[in-house]
């Protein structure tokens, strides 16, 4: 997935397919996977979790056009976004994988497996640092301790 880096020199990149709204700023971006179920270690879809000043967005991995739209949906899943006002809570899920749980008003929680890169070794500590970073940034935007 191609990432566009902001002009200000920060390290936050957003997928090129993502269109931010006027006045919306990117505040964080992490590689993630959508598991088969909240407790599964098997990733069903891959993509990027993007935190902005207004939303949290799951932007699915894109595939080459030659493979068609059906392949893109199968590999990356559907795009999902939630307004930060609807976010009730965010927490890490205990377990051997770095899981992030987003509690959303009037919806089932969204659980994502956070990674430091698209391809990382199972023993990599980078994915745990990425989870801590995601928790810290999302909580800061929400005003949670």
N, C-alpha and C. Protein backbone atom coordinates (compact mmCIF):
# COMPACT_ATOMS: atom_id res chain seq x y z
N UNK A 1 0.85 -1.16 0.00
CA UNK A 1 0.00 0.00 0.00
C UNK A 1 0.89 1.22 0.00
N UNK A 2 0.67 2.10 -0.95
CA UNK A 2 1.45 3.33 -1.02
C UNK A 2 0.97 4.31 0.02
N UNK A 3 1.93 4.97 0.67
CA UNK A 3 1.59 5.96 1.68
C UNK A 3 2.08 7.32 1.22
N UNK A 4 1.29 8.32 1.51
CA UNK A 4 1.67 9.70 1.22
C UNK A 4 2.11 10.31 2.54
N UNK A 5 3.30 10.87 2.54
CA UNK A 5 3.82 11.54 3.74
C UNK A 5 3.44 13.01 3.69
N UNK A 6 3.05 13.58 4.82
CA UNK A 6 2.69 15.00 4.84
C UNK A 6 3.90 15.89 4.54
N UNK A 7 3.63 17.10 4.09
CA UNK A 7 4.69 18.05 3.75
C UNK A 7 5.45 18.55 4.97
N UNK A 8 4.89 18.38 6.17
CA UNK A 8 5.53 18.93 7.37
C UNK A 8 6.69 18.08 7.88
N UNK A 9 7.00 16.96 7.18
CA UNK A 9 8.13 16.12 7.56
C UNK A 9 7.82 15.11 8.64
N UNK A 10 6.57 15.03 9.11
CA UNK A 10 6.23 14.06 10.14
C UNK A 10 6.24 12.65 9.55
N UNK A 11 6.21 11.67 10.41
CA UNK A 11 6.28 10.27 9.98
C UNK A 11 4.91 9.66 9.70
N UNK A 12 3.84 10.43 9.86
CA UNK A 12 2.51 9.87 9.67
C UNK A 12 2.17 9.87 8.19
N UNK A 13 2.00 8.68 7.65
CA UNK A 13 1.62 8.56 6.25
C UNK A 13 0.21 8.01 6.16
N UNK A 14 -0.50 8.40 5.14
CA UNK A 14 -1.85 7.88 4.93
C UNK A 14 -1.89 7.19 3.57
N UNK A 15 -2.72 6.14 3.45
CA UNK A 15 -2.82 5.47 2.15
C UNK A 15 -3.24 6.46 1.06
N UNK A 16 -2.67 6.30 -0.13
CA UNK A 16 -2.98 7.21 -1.23
C UNK A 16 -4.45 7.16 -1.61
N UNK A 17 -5.12 6.06 -1.32
CA UNK A 17 -6.54 5.92 -1.66
C UNK A 17 -7.44 6.68 -0.69
N UNK A 18 -6.91 7.11 0.44
CA UNK A 18 -7.72 7.77 1.46
C UNK A 18 -7.83 9.26 1.18
N UNK A 19 -9.04 9.75 1.21
CA UNK A 19 -9.30 11.18 1.00
C UNK A 19 -9.71 11.80 2.33
N UNK A 20 -8.88 12.71 2.80
CA UNK A 20 -9.21 13.41 4.04
C UNK A 20 -10.14 14.57 3.74
N UNK A 21 -10.98 14.90 4.71
CA UNK A 21 -11.90 16.03 4.56
C UNK A 21 -11.15 17.33 4.77
N UNK A 22 -11.74 18.41 4.31
CA UNK A 22 -11.15 19.75 4.50
C UNK A 22 -10.93 19.99 5.99
N UNK A 23 -9.72 20.38 6.37
CA UNK A 23 -9.40 20.68 7.77
C UNK A 23 -9.12 19.47 8.63
N UNK A 24 -9.15 18.27 8.06
CA UNK A 24 -8.89 17.04 8.80
C UNK A 24 -7.40 16.71 8.72
N UNK A 25 -6.79 16.43 9.86
CA UNK A 25 -5.36 16.15 9.91
C UNK A 25 -5.09 14.70 10.28
N UNK A 26 -4.10 14.06 9.62
CA UNK A 26 -3.72 12.69 10.03
C UNK A 26 -2.92 12.76 11.33
N UNK A 27 -3.28 11.90 12.28
CA UNK A 27 -2.61 11.89 13.59
C UNK A 27 -1.91 10.57 13.87
N UNK A 28 -2.17 9.55 13.08
CA UNK A 28 -1.52 8.26 13.28
C UNK A 28 -1.92 7.30 12.18
N UNK A 29 -1.03 6.35 11.89
CA UNK A 29 -1.30 5.36 10.85
C UNK A 29 -0.55 4.08 11.19
N UNK A 30 -1.26 2.94 11.16
CA UNK A 30 -0.66 1.66 11.53
C UNK A 30 -1.12 0.57 10.58
N UNK A 31 -0.23 -0.36 10.29
CA UNK A 31 -0.59 -1.56 9.53
C UNK A 31 -1.43 -2.43 10.46
N UNK A 32 -2.49 -3.02 9.93
CA UNK A 32 -3.34 -3.84 10.79
C UNK A 32 -3.98 -4.96 9.99
N UNK A 33 -4.58 -5.87 10.73
CA UNK A 33 -5.33 -6.96 10.13
C UNK A 33 -6.65 -7.13 10.84
N UNK A 34 -7.66 -7.53 10.11
CA UNK A 34 -8.96 -7.84 10.68
C UNK A 34 -9.00 -9.35 10.89
N UNK A 35 -9.10 -9.80 12.14
CA UNK A 35 -9.10 -11.25 12.39
C UNK A 35 -10.42 -11.89 11.99
N UNK A 36 -10.40 -13.23 11.82
CA UNK A 36 -11.62 -13.98 11.50
C UNK A 36 -12.70 -13.78 12.56
N UNK A 37 -12.27 -13.65 13.80
CA UNK A 37 -13.18 -13.38 14.92
C UNK A 37 -12.37 -12.59 15.94
N UNK A 38 -13.02 -11.96 16.93
CA UNK A 38 -12.27 -11.17 17.92
C UNK A 38 -11.20 -11.95 18.68
N UNK A 39 -11.33 -13.28 18.74
CA UNK A 39 -10.34 -14.07 19.47
C UNK A 39 -9.38 -14.84 18.55
N UNK A 40 -9.59 -14.76 17.25
CA UNK A 40 -8.78 -15.52 16.30
C UNK A 40 -7.41 -14.87 16.08
N UNK A 41 -6.44 -15.71 15.78
CA UNK A 41 -5.12 -15.23 15.42
C UNK A 41 -4.92 -15.21 13.91
N UNK A 42 -5.95 -15.62 13.18
CA UNK A 42 -5.89 -15.67 11.73
C UNK A 42 -6.44 -14.37 11.17
N UNK A 43 -5.65 -13.72 10.34
CA UNK A 43 -6.07 -12.45 9.75
C UNK A 43 -6.88 -12.72 8.49
N UNK A 44 -8.09 -12.17 8.46
CA UNK A 44 -8.99 -12.33 7.31
C UNK A 44 -8.71 -11.27 6.25
N UNK A 45 -8.48 -10.02 6.68
CA UNK A 45 -8.21 -8.90 5.78
C UNK A 45 -7.03 -8.11 6.30
N UNK A 46 -6.32 -7.45 5.38
CA UNK A 46 -5.20 -6.57 5.73
C UNK A 46 -5.50 -5.16 5.29
N UNK A 47 -4.94 -4.20 6.04
CA UNK A 47 -5.12 -2.82 5.64
C UNK A 47 -4.35 -1.88 6.55
N UNK A 48 -4.83 -0.65 6.62
CA UNK A 48 -4.24 0.38 7.46
C UNK A 48 -5.29 0.96 8.38
N UNK A 49 -4.92 1.20 9.61
CA UNK A 49 -5.76 1.93 10.54
C UNK A 49 -5.22 3.35 10.57
N UNK A 50 -6.08 4.31 10.28
CA UNK A 50 -5.66 5.71 10.23
C UNK A 50 -6.47 6.50 11.25
N UNK A 51 -5.77 7.23 12.09
CA UNK A 51 -6.39 8.13 13.05
C UNK A 51 -6.28 9.54 12.51
N UNK A 52 -7.40 10.25 12.44
CA UNK A 52 -7.37 11.64 12.03
C UNK A 52 -7.95 12.49 13.16
N UNK A 53 -7.98 13.76 12.95
CA UNK A 53 -8.54 14.66 13.95
C UNK A 53 -10.05 14.52 14.07
N UNK A 54 -10.69 13.77 13.16
CA UNK A 54 -12.14 13.58 13.19
C UNK A 54 -12.62 12.14 13.20
N UNK A 55 -11.79 11.23 12.65
CA UNK A 55 -12.26 9.85 12.44
C UNK A 55 -11.16 8.83 12.72
N UNK A 56 -11.61 7.59 12.86
CA UNK A 56 -10.72 6.43 12.79
C UNK A 56 -11.20 5.66 11.57
N UNK A 57 -10.25 5.31 10.70
CA UNK A 57 -10.59 4.70 9.41
C UNK A 57 -9.78 3.42 9.22
N UNK A 58 -10.47 2.34 8.84
CA UNK A 58 -9.78 1.14 8.37
C UNK A 58 -9.81 1.23 6.85
N UNK A 59 -8.64 1.39 6.27
CA UNK A 59 -8.51 1.47 4.81
C UNK A 59 -7.94 0.14 4.33
N UNK A 60 -8.73 -0.65 3.59
CA UNK A 60 -8.26 -1.97 3.18
C UNK A 60 -7.09 -1.91 2.20
N UNK A 61 -6.33 -2.98 2.21
CA UNK A 61 -5.23 -3.13 1.26
C UNK A 61 -5.83 -3.15 -0.15
N UNK A 62 -5.18 -2.47 -1.05
CA UNK A 62 -5.64 -2.45 -2.44
C UNK A 62 -4.84 -3.45 -3.25
N UNK A 63 -5.49 -4.00 -4.24
CA UNK A 63 -4.83 -4.95 -5.14
C UNK A 63 -4.73 -4.31 -6.53
N UNK A 64 -3.85 -4.82 -7.36
CA UNK A 64 -3.75 -4.29 -8.72
C UNK A 64 -5.08 -4.39 -9.45
N UNK A 65 -5.41 -3.39 -10.25
CA UNK A 65 -6.67 -3.37 -10.99
C UNK A 65 -6.85 -4.59 -11.86
N UNK A 66 -5.76 -5.16 -12.31
CA UNK A 66 -5.85 -6.33 -13.19
C UNK A 66 -6.55 -7.50 -12.51
N UNK A 67 -6.50 -7.55 -11.18
CA UNK A 67 -7.14 -8.63 -10.45
C UNK A 67 -8.63 -8.38 -10.26
N UNK A 68 -9.08 -7.15 -10.45
CA UNK A 68 -10.50 -6.85 -10.38
C UNK A 68 -10.97 -6.45 -8.99
N UNK A 69 -12.16 -5.88 -8.95
CA UNK A 69 -12.76 -5.39 -7.71
C UNK A 69 -13.05 -6.52 -6.72
N UNK A 70 -13.49 -7.67 -7.22
CA UNK A 70 -13.81 -8.80 -6.33
C UNK A 70 -12.58 -9.24 -5.55
N UNK A 71 -11.43 -9.29 -6.21
CA UNK A 71 -10.19 -9.68 -5.52
C UNK A 71 -9.83 -8.67 -4.46
N UNK A 72 -10.03 -7.40 -4.74
CA UNK A 72 -9.71 -6.34 -3.78
C UNK A 72 -10.56 -6.50 -2.51
N UNK A 73 -11.85 -6.76 -2.68
CA UNK A 73 -12.73 -6.94 -1.53
C UNK A 73 -12.36 -8.20 -0.76
N UNK A 74 -11.98 -9.26 -1.47
CA UNK A 74 -11.60 -10.50 -0.80
C UNK A 74 -10.32 -10.33 0.00
N UNK A 75 -9.35 -9.57 -0.51
CA UNK A 75 -8.06 -9.44 0.16
C UNK A 75 -8.05 -8.37 1.25
N UNK A 76 -8.74 -7.28 1.03
CA UNK A 76 -8.67 -6.17 1.96
C UNK A 76 -9.93 -5.92 2.75
N UNK A 77 -11.04 -6.51 2.32
CA UNK A 77 -12.29 -6.28 3.01
C UNK A 77 -12.87 -4.92 2.67
N UNK A 78 -13.91 -4.58 3.36
CA UNK A 78 -14.59 -3.31 3.12
C UNK A 78 -13.96 -2.19 3.94
N UNK A 79 -14.01 -0.99 3.41
CA UNK A 79 -13.54 0.19 4.12
C UNK A 79 -14.50 0.46 5.27
N UNK A 80 -13.96 0.92 6.39
CA UNK A 80 -14.78 1.19 7.57
C UNK A 80 -14.27 2.46 8.23
N UNK A 81 -15.19 3.31 8.68
CA UNK A 81 -14.78 4.50 9.41
C UNK A 81 -15.79 4.80 10.50
N UNK A 82 -15.30 5.45 11.53
CA UNK A 82 -16.16 5.85 12.64
C UNK A 82 -15.74 7.25 13.08
N UNK A 83 -16.72 8.09 13.33
CA UNK A 83 -16.47 9.43 13.85
C UNK A 83 -15.96 9.29 15.28
N UNK A 84 -14.98 10.10 15.64
CA UNK A 84 -14.41 10.01 16.98
C UNK A 84 -15.46 10.24 18.08
N UNK A 85 -16.52 10.97 17.77
CA UNK A 85 -17.58 11.21 18.75
C UNK A 85 -18.32 9.92 19.10
N UNK A 86 -18.28 8.93 18.20
CA UNK A 86 -18.94 7.65 18.44
C UNK A 86 -18.04 6.64 19.15
N UNK A 87 -16.78 6.96 19.30
CA UNK A 87 -15.84 6.06 19.95
C UNK A 87 -16.01 6.16 21.47
N UNK A 88 -16.43 5.06 22.08
CA UNK A 88 -16.68 5.03 23.53
C UNK A 88 -15.45 4.62 24.33
N UNK A 89 -14.57 3.87 23.71
CA UNK A 89 -13.38 3.41 24.42
C UNK A 89 -12.41 2.72 23.50
N UNK A 90 -11.19 2.60 23.97
CA UNK A 90 -10.14 1.92 23.22
C UNK A 90 -9.26 1.21 24.24
N UNK A 91 -8.89 -0.03 23.93
CA UNK A 91 -8.07 -0.78 24.86
C UNK A 91 -7.31 -1.88 24.13
N UNK A 92 -6.29 -2.37 24.80
CA UNK A 92 -5.55 -3.53 24.30
C UNK A 92 -6.27 -4.78 24.78
N UNK A 93 -6.28 -5.80 23.96
CA UNK A 93 -6.88 -7.08 24.33
C UNK A 93 -5.75 -8.01 24.75
N UNK A 94 -5.88 -8.62 25.92
CA UNK A 94 -4.85 -9.53 26.41
C UNK A 94 -4.70 -10.72 25.48
N UNK A 95 -3.46 -11.17 25.30
CA UNK A 95 -3.20 -12.33 24.47
C UNK A 95 -1.81 -12.28 23.88
N UNK A 96 -1.53 -13.26 23.02
CA UNK A 96 -0.18 -13.36 22.45
C UNK A 96 -0.01 -12.47 21.22
N UNK A 97 -1.10 -11.88 20.74
CA UNK A 97 -1.03 -10.97 19.59
C UNK A 97 -1.41 -9.56 20.02
N UNK A 98 -0.84 -8.54 19.39
CA UNK A 98 -1.17 -7.15 19.74
C UNK A 98 -2.52 -6.73 19.16
N UNK A 99 -3.56 -6.88 19.95
CA UNK A 99 -4.92 -6.56 19.50
C UNK A 99 -5.39 -5.24 20.08
N UNK A 100 -6.08 -4.49 19.25
CA UNK A 100 -6.67 -3.22 19.64
C UNK A 100 -8.18 -3.37 19.55
N UNK A 101 -8.88 -3.01 20.64
CA UNK A 101 -10.34 -3.07 20.63
C UNK A 101 -10.89 -1.65 20.65
N UNK A 102 -11.72 -1.34 19.67
CA UNK A 102 -12.39 -0.05 19.61
C UNK A 102 -13.85 -0.26 19.97
N UNK A 103 -14.29 0.35 21.06
CA UNK A 103 -15.68 0.27 21.48
C UNK A 103 -16.43 1.42 20.84
N UNK A 104 -17.45 1.08 20.05
CA UNK A 104 -18.17 2.06 19.25
C UNK A 104 -19.63 2.09 19.67
N UNK A 105 -20.15 3.30 19.81
CA UNK A 105 -21.53 3.52 20.23
C UNK A 105 -22.50 2.75 19.33
N UNK A 106 -23.38 1.94 19.96
CA UNK A 106 -24.44 1.19 19.27
C UNK A 106 -23.94 0.20 18.22
N UNK A 107 -22.71 -0.26 18.34
CA UNK A 107 -22.16 -1.25 17.41
C UNK A 107 -21.33 -2.27 18.18
N UNK A 108 -21.05 -3.38 17.52
CA UNK A 108 -20.14 -4.36 18.10
C UNK A 108 -18.73 -3.76 18.13
N UNK A 109 -17.93 -4.11 19.13
CA UNK A 109 -16.54 -3.61 19.15
C UNK A 109 -15.79 -4.08 17.90
N UNK A 110 -14.88 -3.26 17.45
CA UNK A 110 -14.00 -3.60 16.32
C UNK A 110 -12.66 -4.01 16.91
N UNK A 111 -12.23 -5.22 16.61
CA UNK A 111 -10.94 -5.73 17.09
C UNK A 111 -10.01 -5.86 15.89
N UNK A 112 -8.82 -5.28 16.03
CA UNK A 112 -7.81 -5.33 14.97
C UNK A 112 -6.50 -5.84 15.54
N UNK A 113 -5.75 -6.56 14.72
CA UNK A 113 -4.41 -6.97 15.09
C UNK A 113 -3.45 -5.94 14.51
N UNK A 114 -2.71 -5.28 15.37
CA UNK A 114 -1.82 -4.20 14.95
C UNK A 114 -0.43 -4.77 14.66
N UNK A 115 0.21 -4.25 13.63
CA UNK A 115 1.55 -4.70 13.27
C UNK A 115 2.43 -3.49 13.00
N UNK A 116 3.72 -3.69 13.08
CA UNK A 116 4.65 -2.59 12.82
C UNK A 116 4.94 -2.43 11.33
N UNK A 117 4.64 -3.47 10.57
CA UNK A 117 4.89 -3.44 9.13
C UNK A 117 4.03 -4.52 8.48
N UNK A 118 3.89 -4.43 7.18
CA UNK A 118 3.07 -5.40 6.47
C UNK A 118 3.60 -6.82 6.65
N UNK A 119 4.91 -6.96 6.63
CA UNK A 119 5.53 -8.26 6.87
C UNK A 119 6.42 -8.12 8.09
N UNK A 120 6.10 -8.85 9.14
CA UNK A 120 6.94 -8.79 10.34
C UNK A 120 7.02 -10.19 10.95
N UNK A 121 8.10 -10.45 11.62
CA UNK A 121 8.30 -11.75 12.24
C UNK A 121 7.41 -11.88 13.47
N UNK A 122 6.96 -13.10 13.77
CA UNK A 122 6.09 -13.30 14.93
C UNK A 122 6.73 -12.84 16.25
N UNK A 123 8.05 -12.91 16.34
CA UNK A 123 8.72 -12.54 17.58
C UNK A 123 9.08 -11.05 17.64
N UNK A 124 8.74 -10.31 16.62
CA UNK A 124 9.07 -8.89 16.56
C UNK A 124 8.42 -8.09 17.69
N UNK A 125 9.20 -7.29 18.38
CA UNK A 125 8.67 -6.43 19.43
C UNK A 125 8.09 -5.14 18.85
N UNK A 126 8.35 -4.87 17.57
CA UNK A 126 7.85 -3.66 16.93
C UNK A 126 6.34 -3.58 16.91
N UNK A 127 5.67 -4.74 16.79
CA UNK A 127 4.21 -4.72 16.74
C UNK A 127 3.62 -4.31 18.09
N UNK A 128 4.30 -4.66 19.19
CA UNK A 128 3.82 -4.24 20.51
C UNK A 128 4.03 -2.74 20.70
N UNK A 129 5.14 -2.22 20.17
CA UNK A 129 5.36 -0.77 20.21
C UNK A 129 4.31 -0.04 19.37
N UNK A 130 3.95 -0.63 18.23
CA UNK A 130 2.92 -0.04 17.38
C UNK A 130 1.57 -0.02 18.10
N UNK A 131 1.25 -1.10 18.83
CA UNK A 131 0.01 -1.14 19.60
C UNK A 131 0.02 -0.06 20.68
N UNK A 132 1.12 0.05 21.41
CA UNK A 132 1.22 1.09 22.45
C UNK A 132 1.07 2.49 21.85
N UNK A 133 1.67 2.70 20.69
CA UNK A 133 1.58 3.99 20.02
C UNK A 133 0.13 4.29 19.62
N UNK A 134 -0.56 3.29 19.06
CA UNK A 134 -1.95 3.47 18.65
C UNK A 134 -2.82 3.81 19.87
N UNK A 135 -2.65 3.06 20.95
CA UNK A 135 -3.42 3.32 22.17
C UNK A 135 -3.17 4.74 22.69
N UNK A 136 -1.93 5.11 22.75
CA UNK A 136 -1.56 6.43 23.27
C UNK A 136 -2.15 7.56 22.42
N UNK A 137 -2.03 7.45 21.13
CA UNK A 137 -2.52 8.52 20.24
C UNK A 137 -4.05 8.61 20.24
N UNK A 138 -4.72 7.47 20.19
CA UNK A 138 -6.18 7.48 20.17
C UNK A 138 -6.72 8.01 21.50
N UNK A 139 -6.13 7.55 22.59
CA UNK A 139 -6.58 8.05 23.91
C UNK A 139 -6.33 9.55 24.06
N UNK A 140 -5.23 10.03 23.52
CA UNK A 140 -4.93 11.46 23.61
C UNK A 140 -5.97 12.28 22.86
N UNK A 141 -6.37 11.81 21.68
CA UNK A 141 -7.39 12.54 20.90
C UNK A 141 -8.73 12.52 21.62
N UNK A 142 -9.05 11.39 22.25
CA UNK A 142 -10.31 11.25 22.96
C UNK A 142 -10.28 11.92 24.33
N UNK A 143 -9.09 12.24 24.83
CA UNK A 143 -8.98 12.84 26.15
C UNK A 143 -9.03 11.82 27.27
N UNK A 144 -8.79 10.54 26.93
CA UNK A 144 -8.77 9.46 27.93
C UNK A 144 -7.36 9.33 28.51
N UNK A 145 -7.25 8.96 29.79
CA UNK A 145 -5.91 8.78 30.40
C UNK A 145 -5.22 7.53 29.89
